[in-house]
PDB file of N, CA and C in Angstrom:
ATOM      1  N   UNK A   1      19.494 -87.682  44.594  1.00  0.00           N
ATOM      2  CA  UNK A   1      20.244 -86.459  44.763  1.00  0.00           C
ATOM      3  C   UNK A   1      19.436 -85.298  44.168  1.00  0.00           C
ATOM      4  N   UNK A   2      19.412 -84.207  44.872  1.00  0.00           N
ATOM      5  CA  UNK A   2      18.688 -83.025  44.417  1.00  0.00           C
ATOM      6  C   UNK A   2      19.490 -82.297  43.340  1.00  0.00           C
ATOM      7  N   UNK A   3      18.785 -81.869  42.297  1.00  0.00           N
ATOM      8  CA  UNK A   3      19.387 -81.156  41.179  1.00  0.00           C
ATOM      9  C   UNK A   3      18.660 -79.828  41.017  1.00  0.00           C
ATOM     10  N   UNK A   4      19.348 -78.689  41.189  1.00  0.00           N
ATOM     11  CA  UNK A   4      18.665 -77.397  41.106  1.00  0.00           C
ATOM     12  C   UNK A   4      18.047 -77.125  39.739  1.00  0.00           C
ATOM     13  N   UNK A   5      18.467 -77.860  38.715  1.00  0.00           N
ATOM     14  CA  UNK A   5      17.851 -77.711  37.400  1.00  0.00           C
ATOM     15  C   UNK A   5      16.544 -78.489  37.292  1.00  0.00           C
ATOM     16  N   UNK A   6      16.293 -79.366  38.247  1.00  0.00           N
ATOM     17  CA  UNK A   6      15.044 -80.141  38.274  1.00  0.00           C
ATOM     18  C   UNK A   6      14.450 -79.994  39.675  1.00  0.00           C
ATOM     19  N   UNK A   7      13.609 -78.985  39.835  1.00  0.00           N
ATOM     20  CA  UNK A   7      13.093 -78.653  41.167  1.00  0.00           C
ATOM     21  C   UNK A   7      12.321 -79.795  41.811  1.00  0.00           C
ATOM     22  N   UNK A   8      11.720 -80.672  41.014  1.00  0.00           N
ATOM     23  CA  UNK A   8      11.021 -81.799  41.616  1.00  0.00           C
ATOM     24  C   UNK A   8      11.966 -82.654  42.445  1.00  0.00           C
ATOM     25  N   UNK A   9      13.239 -82.748  42.042  1.00  0.00           N
ATOM     26  CA  UNK A   9      14.200 -83.532  42.825  1.00  0.00           C
ATOM     27  C   UNK A   9      14.549 -82.836  44.131  1.00  0.00           C
ATOM     28  N   UNK A  10      14.450 -81.521  44.166  1.00  0.00           N
ATOM     29  CA  UNK A  10      14.677 -80.767  45.403  1.00  0.00           C
ATOM     30  C   UNK A  10      13.456 -80.909  46.305  1.00  0.00           C
ATOM     31  N   UNK A  11      12.282 -80.707  45.740  1.00  0.00           N
ATOM     32  CA  UNK A  11      11.053 -80.745  46.533  1.00  0.00           C
ATOM     33  C   UNK A  11      10.774 -82.131  47.112  1.00  0.00           C
ATOM     34  N   UNK A  12      11.248 -83.188  46.434  1.00  0.00           N
ATOM     35  CA  UNK A  12      11.099 -84.551  46.967  1.00  0.00           C
ATOM     36  C   UNK A  12      11.817 -84.711  48.302  1.00  0.00           C
ATOM     37  N   UNK A  13      12.825 -83.895  48.546  1.00  0.00           N
ATOM     38  CA  UNK A  13      13.676 -84.042  49.721  1.00  0.00           C
ATOM     39  C   UNK A  13      13.213 -83.238  50.931  1.00  0.00           C
ATOM     40  N   UNK A  14      12.185 -82.404  50.801  1.00  0.00           N
ATOM     41  CA  UNK A  14      11.859 -81.471  51.878  1.00  0.00           C
ATOM     42  C   UNK A  14      10.736 -81.938  52.804  1.00  0.00           C
ATOM     43  N   UNK A  15      10.261 -83.148  52.651  1.00  0.00           N
ATOM     44  CA  UNK A  15       9.162 -83.640  53.472  1.00  0.00           C
ATOM     45  C   UNK A  15       9.434 -83.608  54.964  1.00  0.00           C
ATOM     46  N   UNK A  16      10.647 -83.884  55.374  1.00  0.00           N
ATOM     47  CA  UNK A  16      11.010 -83.914  56.793  1.00  0.00           C
ATOM     48  C   UNK A  16      12.134 -82.926  57.100  1.00  0.00           C
ATOM     49  N   UNK A  17      12.137 -81.813  56.398  1.00  0.00           N
ATOM     50  CA  UNK A  17      13.215 -80.835  56.513  1.00  0.00           C
ATOM     51  C   UNK A  17      12.682 -79.548  57.118  1.00  0.00           C
ATOM     52  N   UNK A  18      13.400 -79.011  58.083  1.00  0.00           N
ATOM     53  CA  UNK A  18      12.998 -77.743  58.692  1.00  0.00           C
ATOM     54  C   UNK A  18      13.613 -76.552  57.955  1.00  0.00           C
ATOM     55  N   UNK A  19      14.870 -76.696  57.513  1.00  0.00           N
ATOM     56  CA  UNK A  19      15.567 -75.603  56.841  1.00  0.00           C
ATOM     57  C   UNK A  19      16.105 -76.064  55.490  1.00  0.00           C
ATOM     58  N   UNK A  20      16.000 -75.187  54.503  1.00  0.00           N
ATOM     59  CA  UNK A  20      16.602 -75.445  53.193  1.00  0.00           C
ATOM     60  C   UNK A  20      17.721 -74.429  52.999  1.00  0.00           C
ATOM     61  N   UNK A  21      18.883 -74.937  52.619  1.00  0.00           N
ATOM     62  CA  UNK A  21      20.026 -74.089  52.290  1.00  0.00           C
ATOM     63  C   UNK A  21      20.222 -74.121  50.773  1.00  0.00           C
ATOM     64  N   UNK A  22      20.236 -72.963  50.124  1.00  0.00           N
ATOM     65  CA  UNK A  22      20.494 -72.841  48.686  1.00  0.00           C
ATOM     66  C   UNK A  22      21.939 -72.369  48.563  1.00  0.00           C
ATOM     67  N   UNK A  23      22.865 -73.340  48.598  1.00  0.00           N
ATOM     68  CA  UNK A  23      24.298 -73.040  48.653  1.00  0.00           C
ATOM     69  C   UNK A  23      24.898 -73.046  47.252  1.00  0.00           C
ATOM     70  N   UNK A  24      24.449 -72.127  46.436  1.00  0.00           N
ATOM     71  CA  UNK A  24      24.908 -72.070  45.053  1.00  0.00           C
ATOM     72  C   UNK A  24      25.517 -70.720  44.714  1.00  0.00           C
ATOM     73  N   UNK A  25      25.854 -69.941  45.731  1.00  0.00           N
ATOM     74  CA  UNK A  25      26.421 -68.619  45.499  1.00  0.00           C
ATOM     75  C   UNK A  25      27.742 -68.650  44.766  1.00  0.00           C
ATOM     76  N   UNK A  26      28.519 -69.682  44.977  1.00  0.00           N
ATOM     77  CA  UNK A  26      29.815 -69.772  44.307  1.00  0.00           C
ATOM     78  C   UNK A  26      29.800 -70.823  43.201  1.00  0.00           C
ATOM     79  N   UNK A  27      28.604 -71.206  42.749  1.00  0.00           N
ATOM     80  CA  UNK A  27      28.489 -72.186  41.661  1.00  0.00           C
ATOM     81  C   UNK A  27      29.116 -71.634  40.393  1.00  0.00           C
ATOM     82  N   UNK A  28      29.710 -72.518  39.611  1.00  0.00           N
ATOM     83  CA  UNK A  28      30.316 -72.139  38.335  1.00  0.00           C
ATOM     84  C   UNK A  28      29.507 -72.757  37.207  1.00  0.00           C
ATOM     85  N   UNK A  29      29.585 -72.161  36.041  1.00  0.00           N
ATOM     86  CA  UNK A  29      28.886 -72.699  34.890  1.00  0.00           C
ATOM     87  C   UNK A  29      28.581 -71.617  33.875  1.00  0.00           C
ATOM     88  N   UNK A  30      27.726 -71.968  32.951  1.00  0.00           N
ATOM     89  CA  UNK A  30      27.315 -71.021  31.918  1.00  0.00           C
ATOM     90  C   UNK A  30      26.529 -69.878  32.547  1.00  0.00           C
ATOM     91  N   UNK A  31      26.755 -68.656  32.095  1.00  0.00           N
ATOM     92  CA  UNK A  31      26.055 -67.509  32.682  1.00  0.00           C
ATOM     93  C   UNK A  31      24.532 -67.650  32.684  1.00  0.00           C
ATOM     94  N   UNK A  32      23.958 -68.187  31.605  1.00  0.00           N
ATOM     95  CA  UNK A  32      22.501 -68.360  31.553  1.00  0.00           C
ATOM     96  C   UNK A  32      22.016 -69.326  32.628  1.00  0.00           C
ATOM     97  N   UNK A  33      22.745 -70.416  32.827  1.00  0.00           N
ATOM     98  CA  UNK A  33      22.361 -71.402  33.842  1.00  0.00           C
ATOM     99  C   UNK A  33      22.454 -70.785  35.235  1.00  0.00           C
ATOM    100  N   UNK A  34      23.497 -70.011  35.483  1.00  0.00           N
ATOM    101  CA  UNK A  34      23.655 -69.367  36.787  1.00  0.00           C
ATOM    102  C   UNK A  34      22.552 -68.341  37.028  1.00  0.00           C
ATOM    103  N   UNK A  35      22.202 -67.584  36.003  1.00  0.00           N
ATOM    104  CA  UNK A  35      21.122 -66.609  36.139  1.00  0.00           C
ATOM    105  C   UNK A  35      19.804 -67.304  36.453  1.00  0.00           C
ATOM    106  N   UNK A  36      19.566 -68.461  35.857  1.00  0.00           N
ATOM    107  CA  UNK A  36      18.340 -69.220  36.115  1.00  0.00           C
ATOM    108  C   UNK A  36      18.312 -69.740  37.547  1.00  0.00           C
ATOM    109  N   UNK A  37      19.436 -70.292  38.005  1.00  0.00           N
ATOM    110  CA  UNK A  37      19.512 -70.836  39.365  1.00  0.00           C
ATOM    111  C   UNK A  37      19.277 -69.756  40.414  1.00  0.00           C
ATOM    112  N   UNK A  38      19.744 -68.554  40.142  1.00  0.00           N
ATOM    113  CA  UNK A  38      19.604 -67.449  41.095  1.00  0.00           C
ATOM    114  C   UNK A  38      18.452 -66.512  40.730  1.00  0.00           C
ATOM    115  N   UNK A  39      17.649 -66.926  39.783  1.00  0.00           N
ATOM    116  CA  UNK A  39      16.528 -66.109  39.334  1.00  0.00           C
ATOM    117  C   UNK A  39      15.228 -66.895  39.330  1.00  0.00           C
ATOM    118  N   UNK A  40      14.797 -67.268  38.146  1.00  0.00           N
ATOM    119  CA  UNK A  40      13.482 -67.910  38.007  1.00  0.00           C
ATOM    120  C   UNK A  40      13.385 -69.246  38.746  1.00  0.00           C
ATOM    121  N   UNK A  41      14.454 -70.035  38.748  1.00  0.00           N
ATOM    122  CA  UNK A  41      14.421 -71.331  39.442  1.00  0.00           C
ATOM    123  C   UNK A  41      14.300 -71.129  40.940  1.00  0.00           C
ATOM    124  N   UNK A  42      15.041 -70.173  41.463  1.00  0.00           N
ATOM    125  CA  UNK A  42      14.983 -69.838  42.885  1.00  0.00           C
ATOM    126  C   UNK A  42      13.585 -69.364  43.269  1.00  0.00           C
ATOM    127  N   UNK A  43      13.019 -68.484  42.467  1.00  0.00           N
ATOM    128  CA  UNK A  43      11.685 -67.963  42.755  1.00  0.00           C
ATOM    129  C   UNK A  43      10.634 -69.071  42.735  1.00  0.00           C
ATOM    130  N   UNK A  44      10.725 -69.979  41.772  1.00  0.00           N
ATOM    131  CA  UNK A  44       9.780 -71.094  41.694  1.00  0.00           C
ATOM    132  C   UNK A  44       9.916 -72.014  42.902  1.00  0.00           C
ATOM    133  N   UNK A  45      11.141 -72.299  43.304  1.00  0.00           N
ATOM    134  CA  UNK A  45      11.361 -73.132  44.485  1.00  0.00           C
ATOM    135  C   UNK A  45      10.708 -72.502  45.717  1.00  0.00           C
ATOM    136  N   UNK A  46      10.948 -71.230  45.918  1.00  0.00           N
ATOM    137  CA  UNK A  46      10.378 -70.547  47.083  1.00  0.00           C
ATOM    138  C   UNK A  46       8.857 -70.590  47.052  1.00  0.00           C
ATOM    139  N   UNK A  47       8.283 -70.435  45.890  1.00  0.00           N
ATOM    140  CA  UNK A  47       6.821 -70.502  45.752  1.00  0.00           C
ATOM    141  C   UNK A  47       6.303 -71.880  46.173  1.00  0.00           C
ATOM    142  N   UNK A  48       7.028 -72.932  45.784  1.00  0.00           N
ATOM    143  CA  UNK A  48       6.599 -74.296  46.134  1.00  0.00           C
ATOM    144  C   UNK A  48       6.854 -74.636  47.598  1.00  0.00           C
ATOM    145  N   UNK A  49       7.842 -74.014  48.218  1.00  0.00           N
ATOM    146  CA  UNK A  49       8.143 -74.302  49.624  1.00  0.00           C
ATOM    147  C   UNK A  49       7.023 -73.859  50.562  1.00  0.00           C
ATOM    148  N   UNK A  50       6.184 -72.955  50.105  1.00  0.00           N
ATOM    149  CA  UNK A  50       5.079 -72.473  50.931  1.00  0.00           C
ATOM    150  C   UNK A  50       4.197 -73.630  51.385  1.00  0.00           C
ATOM    151  N   UNK A  51       4.011 -74.634  50.536  1.00  0.00           N
ATOM    152  CA  UNK A  51       3.131 -75.763  50.838  1.00  0.00           C
ATOM    153  C   UNK A  51       3.878 -76.974  51.375  1.00  0.00           C
ATOM    154  N   UNK A  52       4.996 -76.749  52.049  1.00  0.00           N
ATOM    155  CA  UNK A  52       5.786 -77.841  52.618  1.00  0.00           C
ATOM    156  C   UNK A  52       6.020 -77.560  54.100  1.00  0.00           C
ATOM    157  N   UNK A  53       6.577 -78.525  54.819  1.00  0.00           N
ATOM    158  CA  UNK A  53       6.886 -78.297  56.236  1.00  0.00           C
ATOM    159  C   UNK A  53       8.128 -77.435  56.476  1.00  0.00           C
ATOM    160  N   UNK A  54       8.797 -76.981  55.441  1.00  0.00           N
ATOM    161  CA  UNK A  54      10.003 -76.171  55.592  1.00  0.00           C
ATOM    162  C   UNK A  54       9.675 -74.912  56.379  1.00  0.00           C
ATOM    163  N   UNK A  55      10.507 -74.623  57.369  1.00  0.00           N
ATOM    164  CA  UNK A  55      10.261 -73.482  58.262  1.00  0.00           C
ATOM    165  C   UNK A  55      11.240 -72.333  58.068  1.00  0.00           C
ATOM    166  N   UNK A  56      12.218 -72.502  57.170  1.00  0.00           N
ATOM    167  CA  UNK A  56      13.174 -71.441  56.928  1.00  0.00           C
ATOM    168  C   UNK A  56      14.027 -71.738  55.716  1.00  0.00           C
ATOM    169  N   UNK A  57      14.576 -70.666  55.137  1.00  0.00           N
ATOM    170  CA  UNK A  57      15.362 -70.777  53.910  1.00  0.00           C
ATOM    171  C   UNK A  57      16.615 -69.922  54.058  1.00  0.00           C
ATOM    172  N   UNK A  58      17.782 -70.514  53.756  1.00  0.00           N
ATOM    173  CA  UNK A  58      19.049 -69.795  53.815  1.00  0.00           C
ATOM    174  C   UNK A  58      19.609 -69.718  52.399  1.00  0.00           C
ATOM    175  N   UNK A  59      19.881 -68.501  51.963  1.00  0.00           N
ATOM    176  CA  UNK A  59      20.404 -68.254  50.620  1.00  0.00           C
ATOM    177  C   UNK A  59      21.854 -67.796  50.709  1.00  0.00           C
ATOM    178  N   UNK A  60      22.729 -68.493  49.998  1.00  0.00           N
ATOM    179  CA  UNK A  60      24.136 -68.123  49.947  1.00  0.00           C
ATOM    180  C   UNK A  60      24.315 -67.102  48.827  1.00  0.00           C
ATOM    181  N   UNK A  61      24.501 -65.852  49.205  1.00  0.00           N
ATOM    182  CA  UNK A  61      24.623 -64.767  48.228  1.00  0.00           C
ATOM    183  C   UNK A  61      26.068 -64.468  47.855  1.00  0.00           C
ATOM    184  N   UNK A  62      27.023 -65.025  48.562  1.00  0.00           N
ATOM    185  CA  UNK A  62      28.432 -64.790  48.233  1.00  0.00           C
ATOM    186  C   UNK A  62      28.737 -65.471  46.919  1.00  0.00           C
ATOM    187  N   UNK A  63      29.431 -64.771  46.063  1.00  0.00           N
ATOM    188  CA  UNK A  63      29.766 -65.360  44.777  1.00  0.00           C
ATOM    189  C   UNK A  63      31.185 -64.989  44.389  1.00  0.00           C
ATOM    190  N   UNK A  64      31.708 -65.707  43.407  1.00  0.00           N
ATOM    191  CA  UNK A  64      33.108 -65.529  43.022  1.00  0.00           C
ATOM    192  C   UNK A  64      33.292 -64.551  41.873  1.00  0.00           C
ATOM    193  N   UNK A  65      32.281 -63.800  41.541  1.00  0.00           N
ATOM    194  CA  UNK A  65      32.392 -62.835  40.462  1.00  0.00           C
ATOM    195  C   UNK A  65      31.853 -63.341  39.148  1.00  0.00           C
ATOM    196  N   UNK A  66      31.698 -64.662  38.998  1.00  0.00           N
ATOM    197  CA  UNK A  66      31.209 -65.206  37.737  1.00  0.00           C
ATOM    198  C   UNK A  66      29.724 -64.911  37.560  1.00  0.00           C
ATOM    199  N   UNK A  67      28.969 -64.943  38.629  1.00  0.00           N
ATOM    200  CA  UNK A  67      27.535 -64.695  38.542  1.00  0.00           C
ATOM    201  C   UNK A  67      27.248 -63.244  38.211  1.00  0.00           C
ATOM    202  N   UNK A  68      28.032 -62.350  38.704  1.00  0.00           N
ATOM    203  CA  UNK A  68      27.800 -60.943  38.464  1.00  0.00           C
ATOM    204  C   UNK A  68      27.223 -60.276  39.695  1.00  0.00           C
ATOM    205  N   UNK A  69      25.903 -60.195  39.779  1.00  0.00           N
ATOM    206  CA  UNK A  69      25.256 -59.470  40.865  1.00  0.00           C
ATOM    207  C   UNK A  69      24.371 -60.423  41.666  1.00  0.00           C
ATOM    208  N   UNK A  70      24.869 -60.906  42.781  1.00  0.00           N
ATOM    209  CA  UNK A  70      24.118 -61.834  43.626  1.00  0.00           C
ATOM    210  C   UNK A  70      22.965 -61.144  44.324  1.00  0.00           C
ATOM    211  N   UNK A  71      22.908 -59.827  44.246  1.00  0.00           N
ATOM    212  CA  UNK A  71      21.825 -59.114  44.923  1.00  0.00           C
ATOM    213  C   UNK A  71      20.468 -59.438  44.307  1.00  0.00           C
ATOM    214  N   UNK A  72      20.440 -59.870  43.040  1.00  0.00           N
ATOM    215  CA  UNK A  72      19.173 -60.238  42.406  1.00  0.00           C
ATOM    216  C   UNK A  72      18.543 -61.426  43.130  1.00  0.00           C
ATOM    217  N   UNK A  73      19.322 -62.470  43.381  1.00  0.00           N
ATOM    218  CA  UNK A  73      18.809 -63.637  44.099  1.00  0.00           C
ATOM    219  C   UNK A  73      18.422 -63.282  45.520  1.00  0.00           C
ATOM    220  N   UNK A  74      19.229 -62.459  46.170  1.00  0.00           N
ATOM    221  CA  UNK A  74      18.918 -62.037  47.538  1.00  0.00           C
ATOM    222  C   UNK A  74      17.610 -61.253  47.564  1.00  0.00           C
ATOM    223  N   UNK A  75      17.374 -60.437  46.555  1.00  0.00           N
ATOM    224  CA  UNK A  75      16.119 -59.677  46.481  1.00  0.00           C
ATOM    225  C   UNK A  75      14.924 -60.609  46.303  1.00  0.00           C
ATOM    226  N   UNK A  76      15.084 -61.659  45.515  1.00  0.00           N
ATOM    227  CA  UNK A  76      14.010 -62.649  45.331  1.00  0.00           C
ATOM    228  C   UNK A  76      13.693 -63.315  46.659  1.00  0.00           C
ATOM    229  N   UNK A  77      14.730 -63.684  47.400  1.00  0.00           N
ATOM    230  CA  UNK A  77      14.547 -64.348  48.696  1.00  0.00           C
ATOM    231  C   UNK A  77      13.850 -63.410  49.685  1.00  0.00           C
ATOM    232  N   UNK A  78      14.284 -62.184  49.744  1.00  0.00           N
ATOM    233  CA  UNK A  78      13.662 -61.228  50.672  1.00  0.00           C
ATOM    234  C   UNK A  78      12.212 -60.934  50.277  1.00  0.00           C
ATOM    235  N   UNK A  79      11.943 -60.875  48.981  1.00  0.00           N
ATOM    236  CA  UNK A  79      10.572 -60.670  48.509  1.00  0.00           C
ATOM    237  C   UNK A  79       9.690 -61.850  48.913  1.00  0.00           C
ATOM    238  N   UNK A  80      10.201 -63.070  48.783  1.00  0.00           N
ATOM    239  CA  UNK A  80       9.444 -64.263  49.182  1.00  0.00           C
ATOM    240  C   UNK A  80       9.149 -64.232  50.673  1.00  0.00           C
ATOM    241  N   UNK A  81      10.110 -63.763  51.456  1.00  0.00           N
ATOM    242  CA  UNK A  81       9.903 -63.675  52.903  1.00  0.00           C
ATOM    243  C   UNK A  81       8.748 -62.742  53.213  1.00  0.00           C
ATOM    244  N   UNK A  82       8.695 -61.638  52.512  1.00  0.00           N
ATOM    245  CA  UNK A  82       7.619 -60.672  52.748  1.00  0.00           C
ATOM    246  C   UNK A  82       6.287 -61.171  52.198  1.00  0.00           C
ATOM    247  N   UNK A  83       6.304 -61.698  50.987  1.00  0.00           N
ATOM    248  CA  UNK A  83       5.068 -62.124  50.325  1.00  0.00           C
ATOM    249  C   UNK A  83       4.437 -63.345  50.983  1.00  0.00           C
ATOM    250  N   UNK A  84       5.253 -64.373  51.247  1.00  0.00           N
ATOM    251  CA  UNK A  84       4.714 -65.645  51.736  1.00  0.00           C
ATOM    252  C   UNK A  84       5.063 -65.914  53.193  1.00  0.00           C
ATOM    253  N   UNK A  85       5.642 -64.951  53.865  1.00  0.00           N
ATOM    254  CA  UNK A  85       5.987 -65.092  55.283  1.00  0.00           C
ATOM    255  C   UNK A  85       6.921 -66.274  55.533  1.00  0.00           C
ATOM    256  N   UNK A  86       7.853 -66.475  54.608  1.00  0.00           N
ATOM    257  CA  UNK A  86       8.870 -67.515  54.764  1.00  0.00           C
ATOM    258  C   UNK A  86      10.037 -66.892  55.530  1.00  0.00           C
ATOM    259  N   UNK A  87      10.407 -67.433  56.677  1.00  0.00           N
ATOM    260  CA  UNK A  87      11.591 -66.920  57.374  1.00  0.00           C
ATOM    261  C   UNK A  87      12.842 -67.212  56.537  1.00  0.00           C
ATOM    262  N   UNK A  88      13.650 -66.202  56.300  1.00  0.00           N
ATOM    263  CA  UNK A  88      14.844 -66.359  55.468  1.00  0.00           C
ATOM    264  C   UNK A  88      16.056 -65.717  56.121  1.00  0.00           C
ATOM    265  N   UNK A  89      17.200 -66.162  55.666  1.00  0.00           N
ATOM    266  CA  UNK A  89      18.491 -65.552  55.991  1.00  0.00           C
ATOM    267  C   UNK A  89      19.285 -65.490  54.696  1.00  0.00           C
ATOM    268  N   UNK A  90      19.960 -64.399  54.454  1.00  0.00           N
ATOM    269  CA  UNK A  90      20.853 -64.244  53.303  1.00  0.00           C
ATOM    270  C   UNK A  90      22.266 -64.137  53.849  1.00  0.00           C
ATOM    271  N   UNK A  91      23.127 -65.070  53.434  1.00  0.00           N
ATOM    272  CA  UNK A  91      24.517 -65.106  53.907  1.00  0.00           C
ATOM    273  C   UNK A  91      25.416 -64.677  52.752  1.00  0.00           C
ATOM    274  N   UNK A  92      26.196 -63.638  52.984  1.00  0.00           N
ATOM    275  CA  UNK A  92      27.066 -63.141  51.920  1.00  0.00           C
ATOM    276  C   UNK A  92      28.551 -63.347  52.215  1.00  0.00           C
ATOM    277  N   UNK A  93      28.853 -64.238  53.124  1.00  0.00           N
ATOM    278  CA  UNK A  93      30.253 -64.569  53.433  1.00  0.00           C
ATOM    279  C   UNK A  93      30.724 -65.611  52.414  1.00  0.00           C
ATOM    280  N   UNK A  94      31.835 -65.363  51.722  1.00  0.00           N
ATOM    281  CA  UNK A  94      32.310 -66.322  50.722  1.00  0.00           C
ATOM    282  C   UNK A  94      32.760 -67.634  51.357  1.00  0.00           C
ATOM    283  N   UNK A  95      32.457 -68.766  50.704  1.00  0.00           N
ATOM    284  CA  UNK A  95      32.880 -70.065  51.225  1.00  0.00           C
ATOM    285  C   UNK A  95      34.394 -70.196  51.370  1.00  0.00           C
ATOM    286  N   UNK A  96      35.153 -69.402  50.624  1.00  0.00           N
ATOM    287  CA  UNK A  96      36.614 -69.452  50.738  1.00  0.00           C
ATOM    288  C   UNK A  96      37.084 -69.037  52.129  1.00  0.00           C
ATOM    289  N   UNK A  97      36.276 -68.269  52.826  1.00  0.00           N
ATOM    290  CA  UNK A  97      36.576 -67.894  54.216  1.00  0.00           C
ATOM    291  C   UNK A  97      35.861 -68.900  55.111  1.00  0.00           C
ATOM    292  N   UNK A  98      36.316 -70.123  55.095  1.00  0.00           N
ATOM    293  CA  UNK A  98      35.610 -71.267  55.659  1.00  0.00           C
ATOM    294  C   UNK A  98      35.099 -71.061  57.084  1.00  0.00           C
ATOM    295  N   UNK A  99      35.948 -70.615  57.991  1.00  0.00           N
ATOM    296  CA  UNK A  99      35.507 -70.457  59.380  1.00  0.00           C
ATOM    297  C   UNK A  99      34.395 -69.424  59.499  1.00  0.00           C
ATOM    298  N   UNK A 100      34.549 -68.290  58.842  1.00  0.00           N
ATOM    299  CA  UNK A 100      33.523 -67.244  58.887  1.00  0.00           C
ATOM    300  C   UNK A 100      32.247 -67.705  58.181  1.00  0.00           C
ATOM    301  N   UNK A 101      32.405 -68.410  57.066  1.00  0.00           N
ATOM    302  CA  UNK A 101      31.256 -68.939  56.319  1.00  0.00           C
ATOM    303  C   UNK A 101      30.463 -69.925  57.185  1.00  0.00           C
ATOM    304  N   UNK A 102      31.176 -70.856  57.814  1.00  0.00           N
ATOM    305  CA  UNK A 102      30.524 -71.849  58.671  1.00  0.00           C
ATOM    306  C   UNK A 102      29.804 -71.166  59.830  1.00  0.00           C
ATOM    307  N   UNK A 103      30.448 -70.193  60.461  1.00  0.00           N
ATOM    308  CA  UNK A 103      29.809 -69.460  61.555  1.00  0.00           C
ATOM    309  C   UNK A 103      28.554 -68.737  61.070  1.00  0.00           C
ATOM    310  N   UNK A 104      28.623 -68.147  59.883  1.00  0.00           N
ATOM    311  CA  UNK A 104      27.459 -67.446  59.333  1.00  0.00           C
ATOM    312  C   UNK A 104      26.317 -68.418  59.035  1.00  0.00           C
ATOM    313  N   UNK A 105      26.641 -69.590  58.522  1.00  0.00           N
ATOM    314  CA  UNK A 105      25.608 -70.575  58.202  1.00  0.00           C
ATOM    315  C   UNK A 105      24.967 -71.149  59.482  1.00  0.00           C
ATOM    316  N   UNK A 106      25.783 -71.434  60.466  1.00  0.00           N
ATOM    317  CA  UNK A 106      25.258 -71.921  61.749  1.00  0.00           C
ATOM    318  C   UNK A 106      24.409 -70.831  62.410  1.00  0.00           C
ATOM    319  N   UNK A 107      24.883 -69.603  62.376  1.00  0.00           N
ATOM    320  CA  UNK A 107      24.124 -68.489  62.935  1.00  0.00           C
ATOM    321  C   UNK A 107      22.774 -68.332  62.252  1.00  0.00           C
ATOM    322  N   UNK A 108      22.758 -68.494  60.937  1.00  0.00           N
ATOM    323  CA  UNK A 108      21.495 -68.407  60.191  1.00  0.00           C
ATOM    324  C   UNK A 108      20.520 -69.479  60.676  1.00  0.00           C
ATOM    325  N   UNK A 109      21.006 -70.692  60.848  1.00  0.00           N
ATOM    326  CA  UNK A 109      20.150 -71.783  61.325  1.00  0.00           C
ATOM    327  C   UNK A 109      19.631 -71.485  62.729  1.00  0.00           C
ATOM    328  N   UNK A 110      20.497 -70.995  63.582  1.00  0.00           N
ATOM    329  CA  UNK A 110      20.083 -70.689  64.948  1.00  0.00           C
ATOM    330  C   UNK A 110      19.005 -69.608  64.987  1.00  0.00           C
ATOM    331  N   UNK A 111      19.168 -68.573  64.173  1.00  0.00           N
ATOM    332  CA  UNK A 111      18.161 -67.508  64.136  1.00  0.00           C
ATOM    333  C   UNK A 111      16.830 -68.015  63.589  1.00  0.00           C
ATOM    334  N   UNK A 112      16.890 -68.834  62.561  1.00  0.00           N
ATOM    335  CA  UNK A 112      15.654 -69.336  61.942  1.00  0.00           C
ATOM    336  C   UNK A 112      14.910 -70.325  62.836  1.00  0.00           C
ATOM    337  N   UNK A 113      15.649 -71.100  63.592  1.00  0.00           N
ATOM    338  CA  UNK A 113      14.990 -72.101  64.429  1.00  0.00           C
ATOM    339  C   UNK A 113      14.578 -71.563  65.784  1.00  0.00           C
ATOM    340  N   UNK A 114      15.077 -70.398  66.154  1.00  0.00           N
ATOM    341  CA  UNK A 114      14.695 -69.836  67.464  1.00  0.00           C
ATOM    342  C   UNK A 114      13.522 -68.868  67.361  1.00  0.00           C
ATOM    343  N   UNK A 115      13.124 -68.560  66.136  1.00  0.00           N
ATOM    344  CA  UNK A 115      12.015 -67.583  65.992  1.00  0.00           C
ATOM    345  C   UNK A 115      10.672 -68.248  65.965  1.00  0.00           C
TER     346      UNK A 115
END
C-alpha cells in the first residue's frame, strides 16, 4: 500500500501507471503533516515522477478547511508542469459533492490521456 509519508512506497507503484491521482485534498490530521503532504512531499514526488512512465498527474485541491490554503499545493503542481513538462490537472471540486467530484476526476483523466 502506498503511504504519502513514505514516497518510496508511492514510487514503487508507478511502473505501469499512466496517471497518478494525489487525492489528499480532504485529508485530516496534524497541520504540520498536512502542510508536508501538500508541500515538500508533493514537490519531491513530482520531481521523481519525471523519471517514470507516468504521463499525467491529477491533484485534488478541494479541502475541508483544515488544510487552510490548498492553493499552495496547486501552485507546486502547476510549477512542476511548467518546469518538467508534466501534464497536470488540478481539481477543486470537494469530494462531498460526489457526482460533480467524480465527473471532474474522470474529465481530468480524459484530458490528460487525449493530449
